[in-house]
Amino acid sequence: LSVAHAHGVVHRDLKPENLHLGSDGRVKVLDFGIARAKDALLEGLADLPEKTATRTGVAIGSCEYMAPEQALGDVRDIDGRTDLFGLGATMFHLLSGRLVHGDAEGTMLLVAAATQQAPPLATVAPHVPPAVCAVVDRALAFSKGERYPDAATMRSFSRNCARSAMCAPMSPSEPEPALSFCSRQASGTSGSTIQSCW
């Protein structure tokens, strides 16, 4: 994401299906099919497909992982922090086993994405360490100005969290959400899984 954002490209559809965990433990972002170039004049981006030129008022992406500004279709307000919301929503789903806006579907899901703050992760996944909840909650801030300023900053906070003592392994008696796109590392600790996914 840092590389894409540095080149003025916003993915706009981050979700588990668009993230691939390689055998080397590195996460690859896939499917830039609805990505948008913030500045078409940037070198090498002028010939991107026309579908990247989204009209204001049109929401494109997966509502389950969509930031409020994207759900509102405000193209001018979409930037790298919009992708960080999608990443936070993915982590929320991974760690809690539920979507940010629960079972909402269709139009109600789009309305919820545009108007409702994500619940704090700890309220739906009390077994997740507080430091991890803080990272996810900041990424899911309703106002993009309250999210991480960029992907590199979020990565730094996430790595520090994964290395800290506050990210202790879950006890065997605590429920473990389904890991839809990440597999446990050999050590089997929640911290190592989180570090690999972020």
C-alpha atoms as a PDB file:
ATOM      1  CA  LEU A   1       0.000   0.000   0.000  1.00  0.00           C
ATOM      2  CA  SER A   2       2.816   2.407   0.772  1.00  0.00           C
ATOM      3  CA  VAL A   3       4.179   1.987  -2.748  1.00  0.00           C
ATOM      4  CA  ALA A   4       0.771   2.370  -4.399  1.00  0.00           C
ATOM      5  CA  HIS A   5      -0.082   5.446  -2.350  1.00  0.00           C
ATOM      6  CA  ALA A   6       3.328   6.989  -3.058  1.00  0.00           C
ATOM      7  CA  HIS A   7       2.433   6.750  -6.748  1.00  0.00           C
ATOM      8  CA  GLY A   8      -0.982   8.329  -6.204  1.00  0.00           C
ATOM      9  CA  VAL A   9      -2.958   5.083  -6.519  1.00  0.00           C
ATOM     10  CA  VAL A  10      -5.747   4.211  -4.063  1.00  0.00           C
ATOM     11  CA  HIS A  11      -6.859   0.557  -4.142  1.00  0.00           C
ATOM     12  CA  ARG A  12     -10.469   1.163  -2.956  1.00  0.00           C
ATOM     13  CA  ASP A  13     -11.336  -2.520  -2.464  1.00  0.00           C
ATOM     14  CA  LEU A  14      -9.189  -3.949   0.309  1.00  0.00           C
ATOM     15  CA  LYS A  15     -10.739  -7.112   1.752  1.00  0.00           C
ATOM     16  CA  PRO A  16      -9.561 -10.623   2.662  1.00  0.00           C
ATOM     17  CA  GLU A  17     -10.110 -11.908  -0.884  1.00  0.00           C
ATOM     18  CA  ASN A  18      -7.693  -9.279  -2.217  1.00  0.00           C
ATOM     19  CA  LEU A  19      -4.867 -10.107   0.172  1.00  0.00           C
ATOM     20  CA  HIS A  20      -2.573 -13.082  -0.322  1.00  0.00           C
ATOM     21  CA  LEU A  21      -0.266 -14.478   2.334  1.00  0.00           C
ATOM     22  CA  GLY A  22       2.756 -15.967   0.612  1.00  0.00           C
ATOM     23  CA  SER A  23       4.794 -18.920   1.820  1.00  0.00           C
ATOM     24  CA  ASP A  24       7.462 -16.406   2.878  1.00  0.00           C
ATOM     25  CA  GLY A  25       4.994 -14.740   5.288  1.00  0.00           C
ATOM     26  CA  ARG A  26       4.658 -11.569   3.213  1.00  0.00           C
ATOM     27  CA  VAL A  27       1.247 -10.185   2.330  1.00  0.00           C
ATOM     28  CA  LYS A  28       0.581  -9.184  -1.273  1.00  0.00           C
ATOM     29  CA  VAL A  29      -2.232  -6.839  -2.273  1.00  0.00           C
ATOM     30  CA  LEU A  30      -4.155  -8.174  -5.281  1.00  0.00           C
ATOM     31  CA  ASP A  31      -6.779  -6.902  -7.735  1.00  0.00           C
ATOM     32  CA  PHE A  32      -6.272  -3.237  -8.466  1.00  0.00           C
ATOM     33  CA  GLY A  33      -9.228  -3.437 -10.861  1.00  0.00           C
ATOM     34  CA  ILE A  34     -11.117  -0.493  -9.353  1.00  0.00           C
ATOM     35  CA  ALA A  35      -8.060   1.384  -8.104  1.00  0.00           C
ATOM     36  CA  ARG A  36      -8.073   5.104  -8.762  1.00  0.00           C
ATOM     37  CA  ALA A  37      -5.155   7.336  -9.657  1.00  0.00           C
ATOM     38  CA  LYS A  38      -5.378  10.525  -7.609  1.00  0.00           C
ATOM     39  CA  ASP A  39      -3.476  12.426 -10.279  1.00  0.00           C
ATOM     40  CA  ALA A  40      -3.736  11.172 -13.854  1.00  0.00           C
ATOM     41  CA  LEU A  41      -0.786  13.343 -14.798  1.00  0.00           C
ATOM     42  CA  LEU A  42       1.623  11.274 -12.730  1.00  0.00           C
ATOM     43  CA  GLU A  43       4.159   9.593 -14.962  1.00  0.00           C
ATOM     44  CA  GLY A  44       2.939   6.249 -16.260  1.00  0.00           C
ATOM     45  CA  LEU A  45      -0.619   6.615 -14.957  1.00  0.00           C
ATOM     46  CA  ALA A  46      -2.224   8.621 -17.741  1.00  0.00           C
ATOM     47  CA  ASP A  47      -3.230   5.453 -19.632  1.00  0.00           C
ATOM     48  CA  LEU A  48      -5.051   3.706 -16.758  1.00  0.00           C
ATOM     49  CA  PRO A  49      -8.444   2.222 -17.694  1.00  0.00           C
ATOM     50  CA  GLU A  50     -11.377   4.629 -17.747  1.00  0.00           C
ATOM     51  CA  LYS A  51     -13.044   2.744 -14.882  1.00  0.00           C
ATOM     52  CA  THR A  52     -10.629   4.500 -12.506  1.00  0.00           C
ATOM     53  CA  ALA A  53     -12.372   7.811 -13.228  1.00  0.00           C
ATOM     54  CA  THR A  54     -15.302   7.365 -10.865  1.00  0.00           C
ATOM     55  CA  ARG A  55     -18.058   9.985 -10.717  1.00  0.00           C
ATOM     56  CA  THR A  56     -18.849  11.736  -7.455  1.00  0.00           C
ATOM     57  CA  GLY A  57     -21.937  10.208  -5.839  1.00  0.00           C
ATOM     58  CA  VAL A  58     -21.152   6.663  -6.996  1.00  0.00           C
ATOM     59  CA  ALA A  59     -19.890   4.172  -4.401  1.00  0.00           C
ATOM     60  CA  ILE A  60     -17.615   1.485  -5.806  1.00  0.00           C
ATOM     61  CA  GLY A  61     -16.065  -1.319  -3.761  1.00  0.00           C
ATOM     62  CA  SER A  62     -17.159  -3.932  -1.217  1.00  0.00           C
ATOM     63  CA  CYS A  63     -19.529  -2.319   1.294  1.00  0.00           C
ATOM     64  CA  GLU A  64     -18.477  -4.683   4.091  1.00  0.00           C
ATOM     65  CA  TYR A  65     -14.999  -3.104   4.130  1.00  0.00           C
ATOM     66  CA  MET A  66     -15.839   0.374   2.831  1.00  0.00           C
ATOM     67  CA  ALA A  67     -14.860   3.662   4.485  1.00  0.00           C
ATOM     68  CA  PRO A  68     -17.593   6.267   5.109  1.00  0.00           C
ATOM     69  CA  GLU A  69     -16.263   8.700   2.499  1.00  0.00           C
ATOM     70  CA  GLN A  70     -16.218   5.924  -0.091  1.00  0.00           C
ATOM     71  CA  ALA A  71     -19.755   4.798   0.802  1.00  0.00           C
ATOM     72  CA  LEU A  72     -20.896   8.385   0.285  1.00  0.00           C
ATOM     73  CA  GLY A  73     -19.349   8.344  -3.203  1.00  0.00           C
ATOM     74  CA  ASP A  74     -17.266  11.435  -2.475  1.00  0.00           C
ATOM     75  CA  VAL A  75     -14.438  10.812  -4.946  1.00  0.00           C
ATOM     76  CA  ARG A  76     -12.582  13.980  -3.960  1.00  0.00           C
ATOM     77  CA  ASP A  77     -12.374  12.788  -0.347  1.00  0.00           C
ATOM     78  CA  ILE A  78     -10.879   9.363  -1.129  1.00  0.00           C
ATOM     79  CA  ASP A  79      -7.165   8.930  -0.448  1.00  0.00           C
ATOM     80  CA  GLY A  80      -4.757   6.444   1.112  1.00  0.00           C
ATOM     81  CA  ARG A  81      -6.550   6.672   4.460  1.00  0.00           C
ATOM     82  CA  THR A  82      -9.603   5.198   2.740  1.00  0.00           C
ATOM     83  CA  ASP A  83      -7.532   2.080   2.066  1.00  0.00           C
ATOM     84  CA  LEU A  84      -6.402   2.014   5.700  1.00  0.00           C
ATOM     85  CA  PHE A  85     -10.063   1.804   6.727  1.00  0.00           C
ATOM     86  CA  GLY A  86     -10.457  -1.209   4.406  1.00  0.00           C
ATOM     87  CA  LEU A  87      -7.397  -2.797   5.981  1.00  0.00           C
ATOM     88  CA  GLY A  88      -8.782  -2.091   9.460  1.00  0.00           C
ATOM     89  CA  ALA A  89     -12.135  -3.608   8.476  1.00  0.00           C
ATOM     90  CA  THR A  90     -10.309  -6.687   7.194  1.00  0.00           C
ATOM     91  CA  MET A  91      -8.416  -7.032  10.472  1.00  0.00           C
ATOM     92  CA  PHE A  92     -11.654  -6.482  12.421  1.00  0.00           C
ATOM     93  CA  HIS A  93     -13.235  -9.385  10.498  1.00  0.00           C
ATOM     94  CA  LEU A  94     -10.147 -11.565  10.895  1.00  0.00           C
ATOM     95  CA  LEU A  95      -9.876 -11.020  14.644  1.00  0.00           C
ATOM     96  CA  SER A  96     -13.562 -10.991  15.603  1.00  0.00           C
ATOM     97  CA  GLY A  97     -15.104 -13.373  13.079  1.00  0.00           C
ATOM     98  CA  ARG A  98     -17.759 -10.776  12.181  1.00  0.00           C
ATOM     99  CA  LEU A  99     -18.058  -7.837   9.810  1.00  0.00           C
ATOM    100  CA  VAL A 100     -17.841  -4.236  11.009  1.00  0.00           C
ATOM    101  CA  HIS A 101     -21.550  -3.604  10.425  1.00  0.00           C
ATOM    102  CA  GLY A 102     -22.697  -7.070  11.445  1.00  0.00           C
ATOM    103  CA  ASP A 103     -25.375  -8.730   9.331  1.00  0.00           C
ATOM    104  CA  ALA A 104     -26.503  -5.615   7.428  1.00  0.00           C
ATOM    105  CA  GLU A 105     -26.988  -6.259   3.699  1.00  0.00           C
ATOM    106  CA  GLY A 106     -27.695  -4.379   0.486  1.00  0.00           C
ATOM    107  CA  THR A 107     -28.829  -0.784   0.838  1.00  0.00           C
ATOM    108  CA  MET A 108     -28.819  -0.984   4.643  1.00  0.00           C
ATOM    109  CA  LEU A 109     -25.166  -2.026   4.570  1.00  0.00           C
ATOM    110  CA  LEU A 110     -24.262   0.903   2.321  1.00  0.00           C
ATOM    111  CA  VAL A 111     -26.162   3.298   4.619  1.00  0.00           C
ATOM    112  CA  ALA A 112     -24.408   1.837   7.673  1.00  0.00           C
ATOM    113  CA  ALA A 113     -21.012   2.188   6.008  1.00  0.00           C
ATOM    114  CA  ALA A 114     -21.750   5.844   5.226  1.00  0.00           C
ATOM    115  CA  THR A 115     -23.250   6.843   8.563  1.00  0.00           C
ATOM    116  CA  GLN A 116     -22.232   4.541  11.426  1.00  0.00           C
ATOM    117  CA  GLN A 117     -19.001   4.413  13.385  1.00  0.00           C
ATOM    118  CA  ALA A 118     -17.445   0.954  13.589  1.00  0.00           C
ATOM    119  CA  PRO A 119     -17.870  -0.625  17.028  1.00  0.00           C
ATOM    120  CA  PRO A 120     -14.697  -0.852  19.123  1.00  0.00           C
ATOM    121  CA  LEU A 121     -13.040  -4.189  18.417  1.00  0.00           C
ATOM    122  CA  ALA A 122     -12.904  -5.054  22.131  1.00  0.00           C
ATOM    123  CA  THR A 123     -16.715  -4.993  22.358  1.00  0.00           C
ATOM    124  CA  VAL A 124     -17.033  -7.887  19.919  1.00  0.00           C
ATOM    125  CA  ALA A 125     -13.679  -9.613  20.471  1.00  0.00           C
ATOM    126  CA  PRO A 126     -12.757  -9.252  24.160  1.00  0.00           C
ATOM    127  CA  HIS A 127     -10.004 -11.869  23.812  1.00  0.00           C
ATOM    128  CA  VAL A 128      -7.943  -9.602  21.505  1.00  0.00           C
ATOM    129  CA  PRO A 129      -5.110  -7.738  23.304  1.00  0.00           C
ATOM    130  CA  PRO A 130      -5.888  -4.042  23.961  1.00  0.00           C
ATOM    131  CA  ALA A 131      -2.895  -2.852  21.938  1.00  0.00           C
ATOM    132  CA  VAL A 132      -4.167  -4.724  18.879  1.00  0.00           C
ATOM    133  CA  CYS A 133      -7.661  -3.302  19.404  1.00  0.00           C
ATOM    134  CA  ALA A 134      -6.174   0.200  19.499  1.00  0.00           C
ATOM    135  CA  VAL A 135      -4.469  -0.295  16.113  1.00  0.00           C
ATOM    136  CA  VAL A 136      -7.636  -1.633  14.469  1.00  0.00           C
ATOM    137  CA  ASP A 137      -9.895   0.984  16.072  1.00  0.00           C
ATOM    138  CA  ARG A 138      -7.704   3.842  14.847  1.00  0.00           C
ATOM    139  CA  ALA A 139      -7.720   2.458  11.305  1.00  0.00           C
ATOM    140  CA  LEU A 140     -11.537   2.302  11.525  1.00  0.00           C
ATOM    141  CA  ALA A 141     -12.035   5.877  12.744  1.00  0.00           C
ATOM    142  CA  PHE A 142     -15.128   7.385  11.110  1.00  0.00           C
ATOM    143  CA  SER A 143     -13.268  10.610  10.301  1.00  0.00           C
ATOM    144  CA  LYS A 144     -10.287   9.893   8.082  1.00  0.00           C
ATOM    145  CA  GLY A 145      -8.361  12.651   9.866  1.00  0.00           C
ATOM    146  CA  GLU A 146      -8.363  10.438  12.966  1.00  0.00           C
ATOM    147  CA  ARG A 147      -6.930   7.411  11.140  1.00  0.00           C
ATOM    148  CA  TYR A 148      -3.248   6.747  10.582  1.00  0.00           C
ATOM    149  CA  PRO A 149      -1.814   9.386   8.238  1.00  0.00           C
ATOM    150  CA  ASP A 150      -0.380   6.738   5.906  1.00  0.00           C
ATOM    151  CA  ALA A 151       0.248   3.017   5.476  1.00  0.00           C
ATOM    152  CA  ALA A 152       3.853   3.216   6.684  1.00  0.00           C
ATOM    153  CA  THR A 153       2.726   4.695  10.001  1.00  0.00           C
ATOM    154  CA  MET A 154       0.081   2.010  10.466  1.00  0.00           C
ATOM    155  CA  ARG A 155       2.646  -0.677   9.654  1.00  0.00           C
ATOM    156  CA  SER A 156       5.044   0.776  12.226  1.00  0.00           C
ATOM    157  CA  PHE A 157       2.377   0.845  14.965  1.00  0.00           C
ATOM    158  CA  SER A 158       1.299  -2.696  14.052  1.00  0.00           C
ATOM    159  CA  ARG A 159       4.828  -4.088  14.181  1.00  0.00           C
ATOM    160  CA  ASN A 160       5.517  -2.402  17.499  1.00  0.00           C
ATOM    161  CA  CYS A 161       2.289  -3.862  18.847  1.00  0.00           C
ATOM    162  CA  ALA A 162       3.136  -7.362  17.618  1.00  0.00           C
ATOM    163  CA  ARG A 163       6.574  -7.167  19.240  1.00  0.00           C
ATOM    164  CA  SER A 164       5.380  -5.727  22.543  1.00  0.00           C
ATOM    165  CA  ALA A 165       4.601  -7.682  25.651  1.00  0.00           C
ATOM    166  CA  MET A 166       1.018  -6.415  25.430  1.00  0.00           C
ATOM    167  CA  CYS A 167       0.448  -8.726  22.469  1.00  0.00           C
ATOM    168  CA  ALA A 168       0.567 -11.863  24.555  1.00  0.00           C
ATOM    169  CA  PRO A 169      -0.647 -15.145  23.050  1.00  0.00           C
ATOM    170  CA  MET A 170      -4.293 -16.063  23.616  1.00  0.00           C
ATOM    171  CA  SER A 171      -4.823 -18.760  26.190  1.00  0.00           C
ATOM    172  CA  PRO A 172      -6.016 -22.136  24.847  1.00  0.00           C
ATOM    173  CA  SER A 173      -9.413 -21.597  26.504  1.00  0.00           C
ATOM    174  CA  GLU A 174     -10.155 -18.350  24.633  1.00  0.00           C
ATOM    175  CA  PRO A 175     -12.156 -18.513  21.409  1.00  0.00           C
ATOM    176  CA  GLU A 176     -10.185 -18.059  18.231  1.00  0.00           C
ATOM    177  CA  PRO A 177     -11.831 -16.444  15.203  1.00  0.00           C
ATOM    178  CA  ALA A 178     -11.559 -18.140  11.848  1.00  0.00           C
ATOM    179  CA  LEU A 179      -8.480 -16.919  10.024  1.00  0.00           C
ATOM    180  CA  SER A 180      -9.871 -16.570   6.549  1.00  0.00           C
ATOM    181  CA  PHE A 181      -6.701 -15.594   4.743  1.00  0.00           C
ATOM    182  CA  CYS A 182      -3.866 -16.038   7.210  1.00  0.00           C
ATOM    183  CA  SER A 183      -2.421 -19.256   8.505  1.00  0.00           C
ATOM    184  CA  ARG A 184      -0.805 -19.567  11.902  1.00  0.00           C
ATOM    185  CA  GLN A 185       2.950 -19.300  12.028  1.00  0.00           C
ATOM    186  CA  ALA A 186       4.995 -22.118  13.515  1.00  0.00           C
ATOM    187  CA  SER A 187       5.113 -20.423  16.924  1.00  0.00           C
ATOM    188  CA  GLY A 188       1.317 -20.410  17.122  1.00  0.00           C
ATOM    189  CA  THR A 189       1.028 -17.055  18.901  1.00  0.00           C
ATOM    190  CA  SER A 190      -1.546 -14.417  18.084  1.00  0.00           C
ATOM    191  CA  GLY A 191       1.228 -11.824  17.948  1.00  0.00           C
ATOM    192  CA  SER A 192       3.087 -13.607  15.161  1.00  0.00           C
ATOM    193  CA  THR A 193      -0.111 -14.032  13.152  1.00  0.00           C
ATOM    194  CA  ILE A 194      -0.944 -10.354  13.495  1.00  0.00           C
ATOM    195  CA  GLN A 195       2.578  -9.336  12.527  1.00  0.00           C
ATOM    196  CA  SER A 196       2.384 -11.480   9.409  1.00  0.00           C
ATOM    197  CA  CYS A 197      -1.018 -10.151   8.353  1.00  0.00           C
ATOM    198  CA  TRP A 198      -0.196  -6.493   8.800  1.00  0.00           C
END
